[in-house]
């Protein structure tokens, strides 16, 4: 006698008669169609604060000052490129 590979592979015979419902025909959407999205407060607040900070930086560029220190990073990049170039 063959043994089914999966316990649910054996299904009972399906009735050929249509199912009759005594309830009125009202279409209800199943609960799976609704998606509830709940965000923590910081998931909304942090992007808003970051946007506001960037907007303030763009709106007041007159307060920016040029760096007066030695361009150490520029010299490092220049020497690295000089060493890597053939």
N, C-alpha and C. Protein backbone atom coordinates (compact mmCIF):
# COMPACT_ATOMS: atom_id res chain seq x y z
N UNK A 1 0.85 -1.17 0.00
CA UNK A 1 0.00 0.00 0.00
C UNK A 1 0.90 1.24 0.00
N UNK A 2 0.70 2.17 -0.95
CA UNK A 2 1.56 3.36 -1.02
C UNK A 2 1.24 4.32 0.13
N UNK A 3 2.28 4.91 0.64
CA UNK A 3 2.14 5.87 1.73
C UNK A 3 2.28 7.27 1.14
N UNK A 4 1.35 8.19 1.44
CA UNK A 4 1.45 9.53 0.89
C UNK A 4 2.71 10.23 1.40
N UNK A 5 3.32 11.04 0.53
CA UNK A 5 4.55 11.74 0.88
C UNK A 5 4.29 12.89 1.85
N UNK A 6 3.12 13.43 1.81
CA UNK A 6 2.76 14.55 2.68
C UNK A 6 1.46 14.21 3.36
N UNK A 7 1.32 14.51 4.63
CA UNK A 7 0.08 14.13 5.33
C UNK A 7 -1.17 14.78 4.76
N UNK A 8 -1.04 15.90 4.07
CA UNK A 8 -2.22 16.56 3.51
C UNK A 8 -2.43 16.23 2.03
N UNK A 9 -1.63 15.32 1.51
CA UNK A 9 -1.78 15.01 0.09
C UNK A 9 -3.05 14.21 -0.20
N UNK A 10 -3.60 13.57 0.81
CA UNK A 10 -4.84 12.83 0.62
C UNK A 10 -6.01 13.76 0.92
N UNK A 11 -6.81 14.07 -0.09
CA UNK A 11 -7.94 14.98 0.08
C UNK A 11 -9.25 14.21 -0.13
N UNK A 12 -10.25 14.55 0.64
CA UNK A 12 -11.55 13.89 0.44
C UNK A 12 -12.18 14.33 -0.88
N UNK A 13 -13.11 13.54 -1.36
CA UNK A 13 -13.78 13.84 -2.62
C UNK A 13 -14.60 15.13 -2.49
N UNK A 14 -14.62 15.90 -3.56
CA UNK A 14 -15.34 17.17 -3.58
C UNK A 14 -16.76 16.93 -4.04
N UNK A 15 -17.70 17.55 -3.35
CA UNK A 15 -19.10 17.40 -3.72
C UNK A 15 -19.38 18.18 -5.00
N UNK A 16 -20.19 17.65 -5.87
CA UNK A 16 -20.52 18.32 -7.12
C UNK A 16 -21.70 19.26 -6.97
N UNK A 17 -22.39 19.23 -5.83
CA UNK A 17 -23.51 20.14 -5.61
C UNK A 17 -22.98 21.50 -5.17
N UNK A 18 -23.60 22.57 -5.67
CA UNK A 18 -23.15 23.90 -5.25
C UNK A 18 -23.54 24.15 -3.79
N UNK A 19 -22.73 24.92 -3.12
CA UNK A 19 -23.01 25.24 -1.72
C UNK A 19 -24.13 26.28 -1.67
N UNK A 20 -25.08 26.09 -0.78
CA UNK A 20 -26.21 26.99 -0.63
C UNK A 20 -26.02 27.73 0.69
N UNK A 21 -26.09 29.04 0.60
CA UNK A 21 -25.93 29.86 1.80
C UNK A 21 -27.25 30.51 2.13
N UNK A 22 -27.61 30.51 3.41
CA UNK A 22 -28.85 31.14 3.84
C UNK A 22 -28.63 32.60 4.22
N UNK A 23 -27.38 33.04 4.27
CA UNK A 23 -27.10 34.43 4.61
C UNK A 23 -27.26 35.30 3.37
N UNK A 24 -27.60 36.58 3.54
CA UNK A 24 -27.73 37.47 2.39
C UNK A 24 -26.36 37.69 1.74
N UNK A 25 -26.39 37.97 0.46
CA UNK A 25 -25.15 38.16 -0.29
C UNK A 25 -24.58 39.55 -0.01
N UNK A 26 -23.63 39.62 0.89
CA UNK A 26 -22.97 40.88 1.23
C UNK A 26 -21.49 40.67 0.99
N UNK A 27 -20.92 41.56 0.23
CA UNK A 27 -19.50 41.37 -0.05
C UNK A 27 -18.67 42.00 1.07
N UNK A 28 -17.91 41.19 1.71
CA UNK A 28 -16.99 41.65 2.75
C UNK A 28 -15.58 41.40 2.25
N UNK A 29 -14.74 42.37 2.46
CA UNK A 29 -13.34 42.16 2.09
C UNK A 29 -12.69 41.41 3.23
N UNK A 30 -11.86 40.45 2.90
CA UNK A 30 -11.16 39.74 3.96
C UNK A 30 -10.17 40.66 4.68
N UNK A 31 -9.86 40.33 5.89
CA UNK A 31 -8.96 41.15 6.70
C UNK A 31 -7.57 41.21 6.11
N UNK A 32 -7.20 40.25 5.26
CA UNK A 32 -5.86 40.23 4.67
C UNK A 32 -5.67 41.36 3.66
N UNK A 33 -6.75 41.95 3.14
CA UNK A 33 -6.62 43.04 2.17
C UNK A 33 -6.20 44.35 2.84
N UNK A 34 -6.48 44.48 4.13
CA UNK A 34 -6.13 45.71 4.84
C UNK A 34 -4.73 45.57 5.41
N UNK A 35 -3.93 46.60 5.19
CA UNK A 35 -2.57 46.61 5.72
C UNK A 35 -2.48 47.77 6.70
N UNK A 36 -2.12 47.47 7.91
CA UNK A 36 -1.97 48.51 8.92
C UNK A 36 -0.50 48.79 9.10
N UNK A 37 -0.13 50.03 8.84
CA UNK A 37 1.26 50.44 8.98
C UNK A 37 1.36 51.35 10.19
N UNK A 38 2.16 50.93 11.14
CA UNK A 38 2.37 51.74 12.34
C UNK A 38 3.85 52.05 12.45
N UNK A 39 4.16 53.35 12.45
CA UNK A 39 5.54 53.79 12.54
C UNK A 39 5.80 54.36 13.94
N UNK A 40 7.00 54.14 14.45
CA UNK A 40 7.33 54.81 15.71
C UNK A 40 7.48 56.31 15.48
N UNK A 41 7.42 57.09 16.54
CA UNK A 41 7.45 58.55 16.41
C UNK A 41 8.74 59.02 15.78
N UNK A 42 9.85 58.36 16.07
CA UNK A 42 11.14 58.82 15.56
C UNK A 42 11.30 58.53 14.08
N UNK A 43 10.53 57.59 13.53
CA UNK A 43 10.63 57.29 12.10
C UNK A 43 10.06 58.42 11.26
N UNK A 44 9.24 59.26 11.85
CA UNK A 44 8.71 60.43 11.16
C UNK A 44 9.47 61.68 11.58
N UNK A 45 9.84 61.77 12.85
CA UNK A 45 10.48 62.98 13.37
C UNK A 45 11.91 63.15 12.86
N UNK A 46 12.69 62.09 12.80
CA UNK A 46 14.09 62.23 12.38
C UNK A 46 14.24 62.70 10.94
N UNK A 47 13.53 62.14 9.97
CA UNK A 47 13.65 62.68 8.62
C UNK A 47 13.16 64.13 8.51
N UNK A 48 12.15 64.48 9.30
CA UNK A 48 11.66 65.86 9.26
C UNK A 48 12.70 66.81 9.83
N UNK A 49 13.37 66.42 10.92
CA UNK A 49 14.42 67.27 11.50
C UNK A 49 15.60 67.38 10.55
N UNK A 50 15.99 66.28 9.92
CA UNK A 50 17.11 66.31 8.97
C UNK A 50 16.76 67.20 7.78
N UNK A 51 15.54 67.11 7.28
CA UNK A 51 15.13 67.96 6.16
C UNK A 51 15.17 69.42 6.56
N UNK A 52 14.68 69.73 7.75
CA UNK A 52 14.68 71.12 8.21
C UNK A 52 16.11 71.65 8.37
N UNK A 53 17.01 70.82 8.89
CA UNK A 53 18.40 71.24 9.06
C UNK A 53 19.07 71.50 7.71
N UNK A 54 18.84 70.61 6.76
CA UNK A 54 19.42 70.82 5.43
C UNK A 54 18.82 72.04 4.74
N UNK A 55 17.54 72.26 4.94
CA UNK A 55 16.90 73.44 4.36
C UNK A 55 17.47 74.72 4.95
N UNK A 56 17.72 74.74 6.26
CA UNK A 56 18.33 75.91 6.89
C UNK A 56 19.75 76.15 6.37
N UNK A 57 20.48 75.08 6.13
CA UNK A 57 21.84 75.23 5.61
C UNK A 57 21.83 75.80 4.19
N UNK A 58 20.85 75.42 3.41
CA UNK A 58 20.75 75.93 2.04
C UNK A 58 20.30 77.39 2.04
N UNK A 59 19.39 77.72 2.95
CA UNK A 59 18.82 79.07 2.97
C UNK A 59 19.80 80.13 3.48
N UNK A 60 20.80 79.74 4.26
CA UNK A 60 21.73 80.74 4.81
C UNK A 60 23.18 80.41 4.45
N UNK A 61 23.53 80.44 3.17
CA UNK A 61 24.92 80.14 2.79
C UNK A 61 25.86 81.29 3.09
N UNK A 62 25.38 82.50 3.40
CA UNK A 62 26.23 83.65 3.66
C UNK A 62 27.05 83.51 4.92
N UNK A 63 26.66 82.65 5.82
CA UNK A 63 27.40 82.49 7.07
C UNK A 63 28.54 81.48 6.94
N UNK A 64 28.64 80.82 5.81
CA UNK A 64 29.69 79.83 5.62
C UNK A 64 31.03 80.53 5.42
N UNK A 65 32.07 79.94 5.96
CA UNK A 65 33.40 80.51 5.83
C UNK A 65 34.33 79.48 5.20
N UNK A 66 35.27 79.96 4.42
CA UNK A 66 36.23 79.07 3.80
C UNK A 66 37.24 78.60 4.84
N UNK A 67 37.73 77.41 4.66
CA UNK A 67 38.73 76.88 5.58
C UNK A 67 40.07 77.56 5.32
N UNK A 68 40.76 77.96 6.40
CA UNK A 68 42.04 78.65 6.26
C UNK A 68 43.21 77.76 6.65
N UNK A 69 42.95 76.55 7.10
CA UNK A 69 44.02 75.65 7.51
C UNK A 69 44.71 75.06 6.29
N UNK A 70 45.84 74.40 6.54
CA UNK A 70 46.59 73.76 5.45
C UNK A 70 45.72 72.68 4.80
N UNK A 71 45.75 72.61 3.50
CA UNK A 71 44.95 71.59 2.81
C UNK A 71 45.63 70.22 2.89
N UNK A 72 45.66 69.64 4.09
CA UNK A 72 46.35 68.37 4.30
C UNK A 72 45.69 67.24 3.53
N UNK A 73 44.37 67.24 3.50
CA UNK A 73 43.68 66.17 2.78
C UNK A 73 43.96 66.26 1.29
N UNK A 74 43.97 67.48 0.75
CA UNK A 74 44.26 67.65 -0.67
C UNK A 74 45.67 67.21 -1.01
N UNK A 75 46.63 67.52 -0.13
CA UNK A 75 48.00 67.09 -0.37
C UNK A 75 48.14 65.58 -0.29
N UNK A 76 47.42 64.96 0.65
CA UNK A 76 47.47 63.51 0.77
C UNK A 76 46.91 62.83 -0.48
N UNK A 77 45.81 63.34 -0.97
CA UNK A 77 45.22 62.77 -2.19
C UNK A 77 46.16 62.97 -3.37
N UNK A 78 46.76 64.14 -3.47
CA UNK A 78 47.67 64.43 -4.58
C UNK A 78 48.88 63.51 -4.54
N UNK A 79 49.47 63.27 -3.37
CA UNK A 79 50.62 62.38 -3.26
C UNK A 79 50.24 60.93 -3.54
N UNK A 80 49.04 60.52 -3.09
CA UNK A 80 48.58 59.16 -3.36
C UNK A 80 48.39 58.96 -4.86
N UNK A 81 47.82 59.92 -5.53
CA UNK A 81 47.65 59.80 -6.99
C UNK A 81 49.00 59.82 -7.70
N UNK A 82 49.96 60.59 -7.20
CA UNK A 82 51.29 60.65 -7.80
C UNK A 82 52.00 59.29 -7.65
N UNK A 83 51.82 58.64 -6.50
CA UNK A 83 52.44 57.32 -6.29
C UNK A 83 51.79 56.24 -7.13
N UNK A 84 50.49 56.33 -7.35
CA UNK A 84 49.77 55.32 -8.10
C UNK A 84 49.92 55.49 -9.61
N UNK A 85 50.22 56.70 -10.05
CA UNK A 85 50.34 56.95 -11.49
C UNK A 85 51.67 56.37 -11.99
N UNK A 86 51.68 55.76 -13.17
CA UNK A 86 52.92 55.18 -13.70
C UNK A 86 53.90 56.22 -14.20
